Every structure is written in C-alpha cells, then in structure tokens.
Amino acid sequence: MCTDPWLTVQASLSSRITAVLPFVPFTEAELMAIATEAFYFLGGERSLSVSPDVVERISRRAIESYIAEEGARSLHRVISYLLTDIPEPLQQSST
C-alpha cells in the first residue's frame, strides 16, 4: 500500500495518458491563419469594418513578434496590443 499521496496522484494521472503529442512548429500559413483568426476574435464587431489589407498587415506584424516557445498565445497577445492602434470607426453625424 502506497502512503505517499504524491505518488498516488502521479500514478492516477499517468494511467490516464494515452498519447504524447510532440510540439510541431507552425508553418507560415498556419501562423497567418492563427493571427487572422485572433484579429477577428479579439476585435469583435469593430474588426469587421477593417479592410482585408489592413488585417493582413496587422497579422504579418504579429507574426514578426511570434515567440515559438509560447505558441499561439504570443500571437494573441500581439494582436491584442495592435488592435489598440486601430482608430474607432468615425461616428456619422446627423447634420
């Protein structure tokens, strides 16, 4: 009988692991897809009014700051930061 609770937890967790997936770096196309998706997700409705060219430029800027060790998280962080640089859509005045 095992009296060490840590060994019990380790045994419990390891019995549930059925596969180990190695980390494979993203391709350039995958990085672009992740950055673009992050832009539309984090930008919400506001992002729908941005031209595709601007979305591509912002996504490419995010990819330049990509940190492979952090994975997609680094792209989300950079996109979030870059979204603060996009001006709010101009309000239409009723004059």
C-alpha atoms as a PDB file:
ATOM      1  CA  MET A   1       0.000   0.000   0.000  1.00  0.00           C
ATOM      2  CA  CYS A   2       1.320   3.418  -1.023  1.00  0.00           C
ATOM      3  CA  THR A   3       1.345   6.011   1.754  1.00  0.00           C
ATOM      4  CA  ASP A   4       2.797   8.921  -0.239  1.00  0.00           C
ATOM      5  CA  PRO A   5      -0.155  10.932  -1.640  1.00  0.00           C
ATOM      6  CA  TRP A   6       2.034  12.476  -4.391  1.00  0.00           C
ATOM      7  CA  LEU A   7       2.857   9.029  -5.787  1.00  0.00           C
ATOM      8  CA  THR A   8      -0.834   8.198  -5.797  1.00  0.00           C
ATOM      9  CA  VAL A   9      -1.598  11.372  -7.790  1.00  0.00           C
ATOM     10  CA  GLN A  10       1.227  10.633 -10.242  1.00  0.00           C
ATOM     11  CA  ALA A  11       0.003   7.081 -10.775  1.00  0.00           C
ATOM     12  CA  SER A  12      -3.552   8.310 -11.244  1.00  0.00           C
ATOM     13  CA  LEU A  13      -2.539  10.904 -13.853  1.00  0.00           C
ATOM     14  CA  SER A  14      -0.156   8.661 -15.757  1.00  0.00           C
ATOM     15  CA  SER A  15      -2.788   5.940 -16.059  1.00  0.00           C
ATOM     16  CA  ARG A  16      -4.999   8.437 -17.945  1.00  0.00           C
ATOM     17  CA  ILE A  17      -2.395   9.466 -20.519  1.00  0.00           C
ATOM     18  CA  THR A  18      -2.989   7.566 -23.729  1.00  0.00           C
ATOM     19  CA  ALA A  19      -0.757   9.510 -26.123  1.00  0.00           C
ATOM     20  CA  VAL A  20       2.057  12.019 -26.101  1.00  0.00           C
ATOM     21  CA  LEU A  21       1.920  14.577 -28.887  1.00  0.00           C
ATOM     22  CA  PRO A  22       5.171  16.327 -29.755  1.00  0.00           C
ATOM     23  CA  PHE A  23       5.142  20.065 -30.367  1.00  0.00           C
ATOM     24  CA  VAL A  24       5.450  20.803 -34.062  1.00  0.00           C
ATOM     25  CA  PRO A  25       6.238  24.416 -35.023  1.00  0.00           C
ATOM     26  CA  PHE A  26       3.577  26.253 -37.002  1.00  0.00           C
ATOM     27  CA  THR A  27       4.098  26.837 -40.713  1.00  0.00           C
ATOM     28  CA  GLU A  28       3.921  30.373 -42.112  1.00  0.00           C
ATOM     29  CA  ALA A  29       0.404  29.692 -43.428  1.00  0.00           C
ATOM     30  CA  GLU A  30      -0.716  28.382 -40.028  1.00  0.00           C
ATOM     31  CA  LEU A  31       0.731  31.445 -38.291  1.00  0.00           C
ATOM     32  CA  MET A  32      -1.163  33.697 -40.696  1.00  0.00           C
ATOM     33  CA  ALA A  33      -4.406  31.784 -40.108  1.00  0.00           C
ATOM     34  CA  ILE A  34      -3.992  31.955 -36.319  1.00  0.00           C
ATOM     35  CA  ALA A  35      -3.136  35.668 -36.372  1.00  0.00           C
ATOM     36  CA  THR A  36      -6.067  36.493 -38.654  1.00  0.00           C
ATOM     37  CA  GLU A  37      -8.480  34.459 -36.553  1.00  0.00           C
ATOM     38  CA  ALA A  38      -7.175  36.172 -33.402  1.00  0.00           C
ATOM     39  CA  PHE A  39      -7.699  39.564 -35.056  1.00  0.00           C
ATOM     40  CA  TYR A  40     -11.361  38.873 -35.836  1.00  0.00           C
ATOM     41  CA  PHE A  41     -11.984  37.176 -32.480  1.00  0.00           C
ATOM     42  CA  LEU A  42     -10.339  39.850 -30.322  1.00  0.00           C
ATOM     43  CA  GLY A  43     -11.557  42.743 -32.466  1.00  0.00           C
ATOM     44  CA  GLY A  44     -15.194  41.720 -32.299  1.00  0.00           C
ATOM     45  CA  GLU A  45     -17.675  43.681 -34.397  1.00  0.00           C
ATOM     46  CA  ARG A  46     -15.179  46.501 -34.784  1.00  0.00           C
ATOM     47  CA  SER A  47     -12.845  44.234 -36.750  1.00  0.00           C
ATOM     48  CA  LEU A  48     -15.497  43.631 -39.411  1.00  0.00           C
ATOM     49  CA  SER A  49     -15.131  47.203 -40.673  1.00  0.00           C
ATOM     50  CA  VAL A  50     -11.370  46.834 -41.259  1.00  0.00           C
ATOM     51  CA  SER A  51     -10.219  46.161 -44.818  1.00  0.00           C
ATOM     52  CA  PRO A  52      -8.633  42.768 -45.605  1.00  0.00           C
ATOM     53  CA  ASP A  53      -5.361  44.552 -46.493  1.00  0.00           C
ATOM     54  CA  VAL A  54      -5.142  46.067 -43.024  1.00  0.00           C
ATOM     55  CA  VAL A  55      -5.959  42.709 -41.425  1.00  0.00           C
ATOM     56  CA  GLU A  56      -3.154  41.110 -43.429  1.00  0.00           C
ATOM     57  CA  ARG A  57      -0.653  43.841 -42.465  1.00  0.00           C
ATOM     58  CA  ILE A  58      -1.535  43.530 -38.781  1.00  0.00           C
ATOM     59  CA  SER A  59      -1.322  39.741 -38.952  1.00  0.00           C
ATOM     60  CA  ARG A  60       2.112  39.945 -40.578  1.00  0.00           C
ATOM     61  CA  ARG A  61       3.298  42.383 -37.892  1.00  0.00           C
ATOM     62  CA  ALA A  62       2.096  39.945 -35.243  1.00  0.00           C
ATOM     63  CA  ILE A  63       3.967  37.081 -36.923  1.00  0.00           C
ATOM     64  CA  GLU A  64       7.187  39.141 -36.775  1.00  0.00           C
ATOM     65  CA  SER A  65       6.806  39.144 -32.971  1.00  0.00           C
ATOM     66  CA  TYR A  66       5.853  35.462 -32.748  1.00  0.00           C
ATOM     67  CA  ILE A  67       7.595  33.531 -29.953  1.00  0.00           C
ATOM     68  CA  ALA A  68       7.667  29.838 -30.858  1.00  0.00           C
ATOM     69  CA  GLU A  69       8.023  28.707 -27.229  1.00  0.00           C
ATOM     70  CA  GLU A  70       4.733  30.424 -26.372  1.00  0.00           C
ATOM     71  CA  GLY A  71       2.862  29.185 -29.417  1.00  0.00           C
ATOM     72  CA  ALA A  72      -0.377  30.860 -30.461  1.00  0.00           C
ATOM     73  CA  ARG A  73      -0.538  32.724 -27.141  1.00  0.00           C
ATOM     74  CA  SER A  74       2.159  35.127 -28.338  1.00  0.00           C
ATOM     75  CA  LEU A  75       0.167  35.939 -31.490  1.00  0.00           C
ATOM     76  CA  HIS A  76      -2.976  36.614 -29.471  1.00  0.00           C
ATOM     77  CA  ARG A  77      -1.042  38.960 -27.180  1.00  0.00           C
ATOM     78  CA  VAL A  78       0.492  40.931 -30.070  1.00  0.00           C
ATOM     79  CA  ILE A  79      -2.812  41.145 -31.959  1.00  0.00           C
ATOM     80  CA  SER A  80      -4.499  42.428 -28.798  1.00  0.00           C
ATOM     81  CA  TYR A  81      -1.821  45.098 -28.484  1.00  0.00           C
ATOM     82  CA  LEU A  82      -2.001  46.055 -32.177  1.00  0.00           C
ATOM     83  CA  LEU A  83      -5.783  46.385 -32.027  1.00  0.00           C
ATOM     84  CA  THR A  84      -5.325  49.360 -29.715  1.00  0.00           C
ATOM     85  CA  ASP A  85      -3.655  51.190 -32.632  1.00  0.00           C
ATOM     86  CA  ILE A  86      -6.721  50.907 -34.897  1.00  0.00           C
ATOM     87  CA  PRO A  87      -8.912  54.014 -34.580  1.00  0.00           C
ATOM     88  CA  GLU A  88     -12.574  53.615 -33.726  1.00  0.00           C
ATOM     89  CA  PRO A  89     -14.875  53.929 -36.752  1.00  0.00           C
ATOM     90  CA  LEU A  90     -15.934  57.517 -37.309  1.00  0.00           C
ATOM     91  CA  GLN A  91     -19.353  58.311 -35.926  1.00  0.00           C
ATOM     92  CA  GLN A  92     -21.828  59.581 -38.546  1.00  0.00           C
ATOM     93  CA  SER A  93     -23.242  62.928 -37.524  1.00  0.00           C
ATOM     94  CA  SER A  94     -26.838  63.769 -38.342  1.00  0.00           C
ATOM     95  CA  THR A  95     -26.410  67.337 -39.600  1.00  0.00           C
END
